[in-house]
């Protein structure tokens, strides 16, 4: 069995349930605060989630609405949204995905490198980690965020940078993702990918077969359900299970 050297974690929808009760609400509060007559309901926000990164999301929606967002207004929106997002996290609106905290600790104890690879900005990532578990880094060796790359997911650049920073060969690492852009990014960088699908991603069913395994979560009080991939002993994703996935051939 291959030895796992690095795990690359996506954040939104993978590490934590951040989108509908966190980011979406924070955007709407920022719009209201700055006098912008937008309201992103769950259906609309699910559609907008196909656009990686909050800045691009707002820019494209503005273009759709024939609204001009000046660089200054866009920056103020980002700052207001970040402030409201942090308030929501502190209020308990965002929680770890099932089994995440257990798996983070198990991998840390085993000496496996863990990196965050996300289309979110660094400030959002740090706020989430500080509030959810009282740390700014914790088990993570580092992160690749939207602030570090020119092209976000589905481009492979975020994962290519993570591989360079970690010094790990793609055959000794695995990506944990929940979305079609994330899956495409990981696979284009030569990585195997375990997918815990987001219910908000309409493109994902078409790409599921490109994942090395597809599960509903990582396994906690309830066992995870496997949609594709090898059986998961005890209904939990473990280091042993991730190393099993490394031994499966790439498509």
C-alpha atoms as a PDB file:
ATOM      1  CA  UNK A   1       0.000   0.000   0.000  1.00  0.00           C
ATOM      2  CA  UNK A   2       1.270   3.490  -0.895  1.00  0.00           C
ATOM      3  CA  UNK A   3       2.173   5.896   1.904  1.00  0.00           C
ATOM      4  CA  UNK A   4       0.099   9.057   1.995  1.00  0.00           C
ATOM      5  CA  UNK A   5       2.315  12.135   2.396  1.00  0.00           C
ATOM      6  CA  UNK A   6      -0.111  15.028   1.912  1.00  0.00           C
ATOM      7  CA  UNK A   7      -3.833  15.813   2.009  1.00  0.00           C
ATOM      8  CA  UNK A   8      -5.153  18.945   0.324  1.00  0.00           C
ATOM      9  CA  UNK A   9      -8.384  20.218   1.861  1.00  0.00           C
ATOM     10  CA  UNK A  10     -10.899  22.424   0.114  1.00  0.00           C
ATOM     11  CA  UNK A  11     -12.706  24.695   2.597  1.00  0.00           C
ATOM     12  CA  UNK A  12     -16.229  25.773   1.636  1.00  0.00           C
ATOM     13  CA  UNK A  13     -18.484  22.732   1.620  1.00  0.00           C
ATOM     14  CA  UNK A  14     -15.637  20.318   2.413  1.00  0.00           C
ATOM     15  CA  UNK A  15     -14.125  21.376   5.735  1.00  0.00           C
ATOM     16  CA  UNK A  16     -17.274  23.171   6.844  1.00  0.00           C
ATOM     17  CA  UNK A  17     -20.853  23.945   5.769  1.00  0.00           C
ATOM     18  CA  UNK A  18     -20.159  27.583   4.986  1.00  0.00           C
ATOM     19  CA  UNK A  19     -22.164  28.484   1.923  1.00  0.00           C
ATOM     20  CA  UNK A  20     -25.901  28.888   2.511  1.00  0.00           C
ATOM     21  CA  UNK A  21     -25.970  29.943   6.165  1.00  0.00           C
ATOM     22  CA  UNK A  22     -22.587  31.679   6.106  1.00  0.00           C
ATOM     23  CA  UNK A  23     -21.340  33.276   2.898  1.00  0.00           C
ATOM     24  CA  UNK A  24     -24.772  33.793   1.303  1.00  0.00           C
ATOM     25  CA  UNK A  25     -26.197  35.584   4.334  1.00  0.00           C
ATOM     26  CA  UNK A  26     -23.025  37.678   4.694  1.00  0.00           C
ATOM     27  CA  UNK A  27     -23.257  38.811   1.064  1.00  0.00           C
ATOM     28  CA  UNK A  28     -26.887  39.852   1.521  1.00  0.00           C
ATOM     29  CA  UNK A  29     -26.054  41.809   4.679  1.00  0.00           C
ATOM     30  CA  UNK A  30     -23.202  43.560   2.857  1.00  0.00           C
ATOM     31  CA  UNK A  31     -25.482  44.460  -0.054  1.00  0.00           C
ATOM     32  CA  UNK A  32     -28.059  45.920   2.317  1.00  0.00           C
ATOM     33  CA  UNK A  33     -25.435  47.841   4.305  1.00  0.00           C
ATOM     34  CA  UNK A  34     -24.064  49.504   1.160  1.00  0.00           C
ATOM     35  CA  UNK A  35     -27.450  50.237  -0.375  1.00  0.00           C
ATOM     36  CA  UNK A  36     -27.328  47.671  -3.182  1.00  0.00           C
ATOM     37  CA  UNK A  37     -30.725  46.215  -4.074  1.00  0.00           C
ATOM     38  CA  UNK A  38     -29.607  42.597  -4.424  1.00  0.00           C
ATOM     39  CA  UNK A  39     -30.828  39.555  -2.527  1.00  0.00           C
ATOM     40  CA  UNK A  40     -29.234  36.195  -3.240  1.00  0.00           C
ATOM     41  CA  UNK A  41     -31.813  33.558  -2.298  1.00  0.00           C
ATOM     42  CA  UNK A  42     -30.706  29.903  -2.013  1.00  0.00           C
ATOM     43  CA  UNK A  43     -31.626  28.985  -5.592  1.00  0.00           C
ATOM     44  CA  UNK A  44     -29.826  31.995  -7.059  1.00  0.00           C
ATOM     45  CA  UNK A  45     -26.813  31.489  -4.816  1.00  0.00           C
ATOM     46  CA  UNK A  46     -26.590  27.817  -5.821  1.00  0.00           C
ATOM     47  CA  UNK A  47     -26.383  28.997  -9.415  1.00  0.00           C
ATOM     48  CA  UNK A  48     -23.729  31.601  -8.571  1.00  0.00           C
ATOM     49  CA  UNK A  49     -21.608  28.989  -6.778  1.00  0.00           C
ATOM     50  CA  UNK A  50     -20.531  27.688 -10.178  1.00  0.00           C
ATOM     51  CA  UNK A  51     -18.381  30.867 -10.287  1.00  0.00           C
ATOM     52  CA  UNK A  52     -15.344  30.274  -8.040  1.00  0.00           C
ATOM     53  CA  UNK A  53     -14.421  33.173  -5.746  1.00  0.00           C
ATOM     54  CA  UNK A  54     -16.565  35.911  -4.230  1.00  0.00           C
ATOM     55  CA  UNK A  55     -15.139  38.824  -6.186  1.00  0.00           C
ATOM     56  CA  UNK A  56     -15.769  37.174  -9.553  1.00  0.00           C
ATOM     57  CA  UNK A  57     -19.210  36.150  -8.344  1.00  0.00           C
ATOM     58  CA  UNK A  58     -20.180  39.748  -7.584  1.00  0.00           C
ATOM     59  CA  UNK A  59     -18.604  41.075 -10.785  1.00  0.00           C
ATOM     60  CA  UNK A  60     -20.447  38.622 -13.002  1.00  0.00           C
ATOM     61  CA  UNK A  61     -23.756  39.176 -11.246  1.00  0.00           C
ATOM     62  CA  UNK A  62     -23.317  42.932 -11.618  1.00  0.00           C
ATOM     63  CA  UNK A  63     -22.695  42.462 -15.333  1.00  0.00           C
ATOM     64  CA  UNK A  64     -25.829  40.326 -15.585  1.00  0.00           C
ATOM     65  CA  UNK A  65     -27.807  43.113 -13.904  1.00  0.00           C
ATOM     66  CA  UNK A  66     -26.122  45.827 -16.019  1.00  0.00           C
ATOM     67  CA  UNK A  67     -24.735  47.393 -12.840  1.00  0.00           C
ATOM     68  CA  UNK A  68     -21.305  48.991 -12.627  1.00  0.00           C
ATOM     69  CA  UNK A  69     -19.245  48.125  -9.543  1.00  0.00           C
ATOM     70  CA  UNK A  70     -16.318  50.512  -9.106  1.00  0.00           C
ATOM     71  CA  UNK A  71     -13.099  49.072  -7.635  1.00  0.00           C
ATOM     72  CA  UNK A  72     -13.750  51.094  -4.472  1.00  0.00           C
ATOM     73  CA  UNK A  73     -17.303  49.784  -4.070  1.00  0.00           C
ATOM     74  CA  UNK A  74     -16.169  46.233  -4.769  1.00  0.00           C
ATOM     75  CA  UNK A  75     -13.516  46.525  -2.068  1.00  0.00           C
ATOM     76  CA  UNK A  76     -16.028  47.919   0.433  1.00  0.00           C
ATOM     77  CA  UNK A  77     -18.389  45.058  -0.391  1.00  0.00           C
ATOM     78  CA  UNK A  78     -15.617  42.533   0.219  1.00  0.00           C
ATOM     79  CA  UNK A  79     -14.748  44.124   3.567  1.00  0.00           C
ATOM     80  CA  UNK A  80     -18.382  44.342   4.693  1.00  0.00           C
ATOM     81  CA  UNK A  81     -19.069  40.786   3.608  1.00  0.00           C
ATOM     82  CA  UNK A  82     -16.006  39.520   5.494  1.00  0.00           C
ATOM     83  CA  UNK A  83     -17.101  41.340   8.652  1.00  0.00           C
ATOM     84  CA  UNK A  84     -20.622  39.897   8.472  1.00  0.00           C
ATOM     85  CA  UNK A  85     -19.233  36.435   7.714  1.00  0.00           C
ATOM     86  CA  UNK A  86     -17.075  36.537  10.823  1.00  0.00           C
ATOM     87  CA  UNK A  87     -20.108  37.638  12.885  1.00  0.00           C
ATOM     88  CA  UNK A  88     -22.067  34.666  11.545  1.00  0.00           C
ATOM     89  CA  UNK A  89     -19.262  32.237  12.375  1.00  0.00           C
ATOM     90  CA  UNK A  90     -19.060  33.600  15.923  1.00  0.00           C
ATOM     91  CA  UNK A  91     -22.818  33.180  16.231  1.00  0.00           C
ATOM     92  CA  UNK A  92     -22.497  29.470  15.407  1.00  0.00           C
ATOM     93  CA  UNK A  93     -23.965  29.597  11.889  1.00  0.00           C
ATOM     94  CA  UNK A  94     -21.094  27.533  10.432  1.00  0.00           C
ATOM     95  CA  UNK A  95     -20.027  24.058  11.549  1.00  0.00           C
ATOM     96  CA  UNK A  96     -17.505  21.387  10.597  1.00  0.00           C
ATOM     97  CA  UNK A  97     -18.683  18.768   8.104  1.00  0.00           C
ATOM     98  CA  UNK A  98     -19.270  15.364   9.773  1.00  0.00           C
ATOM     99  CA  UNK A  99     -16.031  13.537  10.523  1.00  0.00           C
ATOM    100  CA  UNK A 100     -13.734  16.414   9.534  1.00  0.00           C
ATOM    101  CA  UNK A 101     -12.315  17.216  12.971  1.00  0.00           C
ATOM    102  CA  UNK A 102     -11.605  13.535  13.686  1.00  0.00           C
ATOM    103  CA  UNK A 103      -9.831  13.071  10.350  1.00  0.00           C
ATOM    104  CA  UNK A 104      -7.791  16.269  10.798  1.00  0.00           C
ATOM    105  CA  UNK A 105      -6.509  15.038  14.157  1.00  0.00           C
ATOM    106  CA  UNK A 106      -5.799  11.491  12.927  1.00  0.00           C
ATOM    107  CA  UNK A 107      -3.777  12.723   9.950  1.00  0.00           C
ATOM    108  CA  UNK A 108      -1.867  15.193  12.124  1.00  0.00           C
ATOM    109  CA  UNK A 109      -0.932  12.434  14.577  1.00  0.00           C
ATOM    110  CA  UNK A 110       0.249  10.269  11.671  1.00  0.00           C
ATOM    111  CA  UNK A 111       2.545  13.027  10.415  1.00  0.00           C
ATOM    112  CA  UNK A 112       0.719  13.568   7.134  1.00  0.00           C
ATOM    113  CA  UNK A 113       1.070  17.058   5.693  1.00  0.00           C
ATOM    114  CA  UNK A 114      -2.250  18.899   5.487  1.00  0.00           C
ATOM    115  CA  UNK A 115      -2.777  21.965   3.309  1.00  0.00           C
ATOM    116  CA  UNK A 116      -5.761  24.148   2.533  1.00  0.00           C
ATOM    117  CA  UNK A 117      -6.421  24.765  -1.157  1.00  0.00           C
ATOM    118  CA  UNK A 118      -9.360  27.100  -1.674  1.00  0.00           C
ATOM    119  CA  UNK A 119     -10.866  29.739  -3.948  1.00  0.00           C
ATOM    120  CA  UNK A 120     -11.714  31.829  -0.870  1.00  0.00           C
ATOM    121  CA  UNK A 121      -9.493  34.642   0.362  1.00  0.00           C
ATOM    122  CA  UNK A 122      -7.022  34.203   3.207  1.00  0.00           C
ATOM    123  CA  UNK A 123      -9.011  36.398   5.602  1.00  0.00           C
ATOM    124  CA  UNK A 124     -12.079  34.139   5.299  1.00  0.00           C
ATOM    125  CA  UNK A 125     -10.005  31.016   5.902  1.00  0.00           C
ATOM    126  CA  UNK A 126      -8.263  32.412   8.961  1.00  0.00           C
ATOM    127  CA  UNK A 127     -11.527  33.661  10.448  1.00  0.00           C
ATOM    128  CA  UNK A 128     -13.173  30.282   9.993  1.00  0.00           C
ATOM    129  CA  UNK A 129     -10.339  28.340  11.623  1.00  0.00           C
ATOM    130  CA  UNK A 130      -9.907  30.755  14.510  1.00  0.00           C
ATOM    131  CA  UNK A 131     -13.590  30.694  15.423  1.00  0.00           C
ATOM    132  CA  UNK A 132     -14.350  27.027  14.788  1.00  0.00           C
ATOM    133  CA  UNK A 133     -11.437  25.615  16.703  1.00  0.00           C
ATOM    134  CA  UNK A 134      -9.469  28.448  18.213  1.00  0.00           C
ATOM    135  CA  UNK A 135      -6.507  28.182  15.867  1.00  0.00           C
ATOM    136  CA  UNK A 136      -5.212  30.091  12.861  1.00  0.00           C
ATOM    137  CA  UNK A 137      -3.163  27.202  11.474  1.00  0.00           C
ATOM    138  CA  UNK A 138      -3.774  24.118  13.619  1.00  0.00           C
ATOM    139  CA  UNK A 139      -2.912  20.921  11.760  1.00  0.00           C
ATOM    140  CA  UNK A 140      -2.228  22.768   8.497  1.00  0.00           C
ATOM    141  CA  UNK A 141       1.263  23.248   7.093  1.00  0.00           C
ATOM    142  CA  UNK A 142      -0.019  26.163   5.033  1.00  0.00           C
ATOM    143  CA  UNK A 143      -2.582  27.245   2.496  1.00  0.00           C
ATOM    144  CA  UNK A 144      -3.173  28.243  -1.074  1.00  0.00           C
ATOM    145  CA  UNK A 145      -5.976  30.798  -1.333  1.00  0.00           C
ATOM    146  CA  UNK A 146      -7.391  33.102  -3.988  1.00  0.00           C
ATOM    147  CA  UNK A 147      -4.776  35.638  -2.906  1.00  0.00           C
ATOM    148  CA  UNK A 148      -1.930  33.337  -3.997  1.00  0.00           C
ATOM    149  CA  UNK A 149      -2.828  32.447  -7.589  1.00  0.00           C
ATOM    150  CA  UNK A 150      -3.793  34.160 -10.826  1.00  0.00           C
ATOM    151  CA  UNK A 151      -6.319  31.476 -11.807  1.00  0.00           C
ATOM    152  CA  UNK A 152      -8.723  29.860  -9.339  1.00  0.00           C
ATOM    153  CA  UNK A 153     -10.375  26.460  -9.621  1.00  0.00           C
ATOM    154  CA  UNK A 154     -11.189  24.768 -12.010  1.00  0.00           C
ATOM    155  CA  UNK A 155      -7.737  25.791 -13.252  1.00  0.00           C
ATOM    156  CA  UNK A 156      -5.057  23.420 -11.876  1.00  0.00           C
ATOM    157  CA  UNK A 157      -2.868  26.314 -10.653  1.00  0.00           C
ATOM    158  CA  UNK A 158      -4.005  26.161  -6.979  1.00  0.00           C
ATOM    159  CA  UNK A 159      -3.180  22.458  -6.672  1.00  0.00           C
ATOM    160  CA  UNK A 160       0.007  22.783  -8.696  1.00  0.00           C
ATOM    161  CA  UNK A 161       1.183  25.452  -6.253  1.00  0.00           C
ATOM    162  CA  UNK A 162       0.202  23.270  -3.282  1.00  0.00           C
ATOM    163  CA  UNK A 163       2.242  20.402  -4.715  1.00  0.00           C
ATOM    164  CA  UNK A 164       5.285  22.651  -5.148  1.00  0.00           C
ATOM    165  CA  UNK A 165       4.984  24.070  -1.636  1.00  0.00           C
ATOM    166  CA  UNK A 166       4.549  20.646  -0.052  1.00  0.00           C
ATOM    167  CA  UNK A 167       7.299  19.022  -2.113  1.00  0.00           C
ATOM    168  CA  UNK A 168       5.088  15.967  -2.550  1.00  0.00           C
ATOM    169  CA  UNK A 169       4.593  13.904  -5.702  1.00  0.00           C
ATOM    170  CA  UNK A 170       0.967  13.814  -6.937  1.00  0.00           C
ATOM    171  CA  UNK A 171       0.935  10.017  -6.540  1.00  0.00           C
ATOM    172  CA  UNK A 172       1.530  10.452  -2.788  1.00  0.00           C
ATOM    173  CA  UNK A 173      -1.216  13.029  -2.189  1.00  0.00           C
ATOM    174  CA  UNK A 174      -4.985  13.291  -2.368  1.00  0.00           C
ATOM    175  CA  UNK A 175      -7.433  16.177  -2.680  1.00  0.00           C
ATOM    176  CA  UNK A 176     -10.655  16.389  -0.673  1.00  0.00           C
ATOM    177  CA  UNK A 177     -13.327  18.344  -2.550  1.00  0.00           C
ATOM    178  CA  UNK A 178     -17.070  18.926  -2.821  1.00  0.00           C
ATOM    179  CA  UNK A 179     -17.549  20.723  -6.157  1.00  0.00           C
ATOM    180  CA  UNK A 180     -17.115  20.298  -9.899  1.00  0.00           C
ATOM    181  CA  UNK A 181     -14.563  23.162 -10.188  1.00  0.00           C
ATOM    182  CA  UNK A 182     -12.541  21.684  -7.329  1.00  0.00           C
ATOM    183  CA  UNK A 183     -12.640  18.172  -8.772  1.00  0.00           C
ATOM    184  CA  UNK A 184     -11.534  19.424 -12.192  1.00  0.00           C
ATOM    185  CA  UNK A 185      -8.729  21.462 -10.661  1.00  0.00           C
ATOM    186  CA  UNK A 186      -7.399  18.527  -8.646  1.00  0.00           C
ATOM    187  CA  UNK A 187      -7.560  16.047 -11.498  1.00  0.00           C
ATOM    188  CA  UNK A 188      -5.915  18.472 -13.929  1.00  0.00           C
ATOM    189  CA  UNK A 189      -3.018  18.711 -11.455  1.00  0.00           C
ATOM    190  CA  UNK A 190      -2.657  14.930 -11.503  1.00  0.00           C
ATOM    191  CA  UNK A 191      -4.225  14.291  -8.097  1.00  0.00           C
ATOM    192  CA  UNK A 192      -6.640  11.645  -6.974  1.00  0.00           C
ATOM    193  CA  UNK A 193      -9.734  13.195  -5.450  1.00  0.00           C
ATOM    194  CA  UNK A 194     -12.159  12.057  -2.779  1.00  0.00           C
ATOM    195  CA  UNK A 195     -15.443  13.861  -3.289  1.00  0.00           C
ATOM    196  CA  UNK A 196     -18.088  14.725  -0.699  1.00  0.00           C
ATOM    197  CA  UNK A 197     -20.600  16.290  -3.101  1.00  0.00           C
ATOM    198  CA  UNK A 198     -22.198  19.639  -2.467  1.00  0.00           C
ATOM    199  CA  UNK A 199     -25.977  19.584  -2.987  1.00  0.00           C
ATOM    200  CA  UNK A 200     -25.658  23.098  -4.434  1.00  0.00           C
ATOM    201  CA  UNK A 201     -23.502  22.151  -7.437  1.00  0.00           C
ATOM    202  CA  UNK A 202     -25.635  21.396 -10.539  1.00  0.00           C
ATOM    203  CA  UNK A 203     -22.574  20.485 -12.633  1.00  0.00           C
ATOM    204  CA  UNK A 204     -21.229  17.879 -10.247  1.00  0.00           C
ATOM    205  CA  UNK A 205     -23.281  14.809 -11.293  1.00  0.00           C
ATOM    206  CA  UNK A 206     -21.683  14.975 -14.741  1.00  0.00           C
ATOM    207  CA  UNK A 207     -18.179  14.857 -13.228  1.00  0.00           C
ATOM    208  CA  UNK A 208     -18.668  12.385 -10.375  1.00  0.00           C
ATOM    209  CA  UNK A 209     -17.091   9.533 -12.324  1.00  0.00           C
ATOM    210  CA  UNK A 210     -13.776  11.422 -12.415  1.00  0.00           C
ATOM    211  CA  UNK A 211     -13.458  11.191  -8.626  1.00  0.00           C
ATOM    212  CA  UNK A 212     -11.495   8.346  -7.044  1.00  0.00           C
ATOM    213  CA  UNK A 213     -14.281   7.917  -4.490  1.00  0.00           C
ATOM    214  CA  UNK A 214     -17.575   9.682  -3.796  1.00  0.00           C
ATOM    215  CA  UNK A 215     -19.015   9.726  -0.240  1.00  0.00           C
ATOM    216  CA  UNK A 216     -21.684  11.808   1.440  1.00  0.00           C
ATOM    217  CA  UNK A 217     -19.345  12.761   4.332  1.00  0.00           C
ATOM    218  CA  UNK A 218     -16.229  11.562   6.168  1.00  0.00           C
ATOM    219  CA  UNK A 219     -18.026   9.495   8.803  1.00  0.00           C
ATOM    220  CA  UNK A 220     -18.903  10.556  12.328  1.00  0.00           C
ATOM    221  CA  UNK A 221     -21.742   9.422  14.598  1.00  0.00           C
ATOM    222  CA  UNK A 222     -23.387   8.030  11.478  1.00  0.00           C
ATOM    223  CA  UNK A 223     -21.564   5.975   8.862  1.00  0.00           C
ATOM    224  CA  UNK A 224     -20.736   7.607   5.548  1.00  0.00           C
ATOM    225  CA  UNK A 225     -22.579   6.433   2.454  1.00  0.00           C
ATOM    226  CA  UNK A 226     -20.374   5.407  -0.463  1.00  0.00           C
ATOM    227  CA  UNK A 227     -21.677   6.358  -3.897  1.00  0.00           C
ATOM    228  CA  UNK A 228     -18.577   5.094  -5.702  1.00  0.00           C
ATOM    229  CA  UNK A 229     -15.194   3.757  -4.700  1.00  0.00           C
ATOM    230  CA  UNK A 230     -13.991   0.963  -2.401  1.00  0.00           C
ATOM    231  CA  UNK A 231     -15.783  -0.020   0.828  1.00  0.00           C
ATOM    232  CA  UNK A 232     -15.021   2.147   3.844  1.00  0.00           C
ATOM    233  CA  UNK A 233     -14.276   0.085   6.970  1.00  0.00           C
ATOM    234  CA  UNK A 234     -16.410   1.182   9.907  1.00  0.00           C
ATOM    235  CA  UNK A 235     -18.162   3.801   7.789  1.00  0.00           C
ATOM    236  CA  UNK A 236     -15.354   6.301   8.384  1.00  0.00           C
ATOM    237  CA  UNK A 237     -12.705   7.843   6.154  1.00  0.00           C
ATOM    238  CA  UNK A 238      -9.339   7.060   7.747  1.00  0.00           C
ATOM    239  CA  UNK A 239      -5.655   7.261   6.844  1.00  0.00           C
ATOM    240  CA  UNK A 240      -5.852   3.609   5.789  1.00  0.00           C
ATOM    241  CA  UNK A 241      -8.780   4.355   3.477  1.00  0.00           C
ATOM    242  CA  UNK A 242      -7.037   7.334   1.874  1.00  0.00           C
ATOM    243  CA  UNK A 243      -3.922   5.214   1.270  1.00  0.00           C
ATOM    244  CA  UNK A 244      -6.159   2.586  -0.326  1.00  0.00           C
ATOM    245  CA  UNK A 245      -7.352   5.249  -2.760  1.00  0.00           C
ATOM    246  CA  UNK A 246      -3.750   6.029  -3.716  1.00  0.00           C
ATOM    247  CA  UNK A 247      -3.385   2.484  -4.968  1.00  0.00           C
ATOM    248  CA  UNK A 248      -6.305   2.858  -7.358  1.00  0.00           C
ATOM    249  CA  UNK A 249      -5.227   3.692 -10.903  1.00  0.00           C
ATOM    250  CA  UNK A 250      -5.743   7.161 -12.288  1.00  0.00           C
ATOM    251  CA  UNK A 251      -8.118   7.441 -15.247  1.00  0.00           C
END
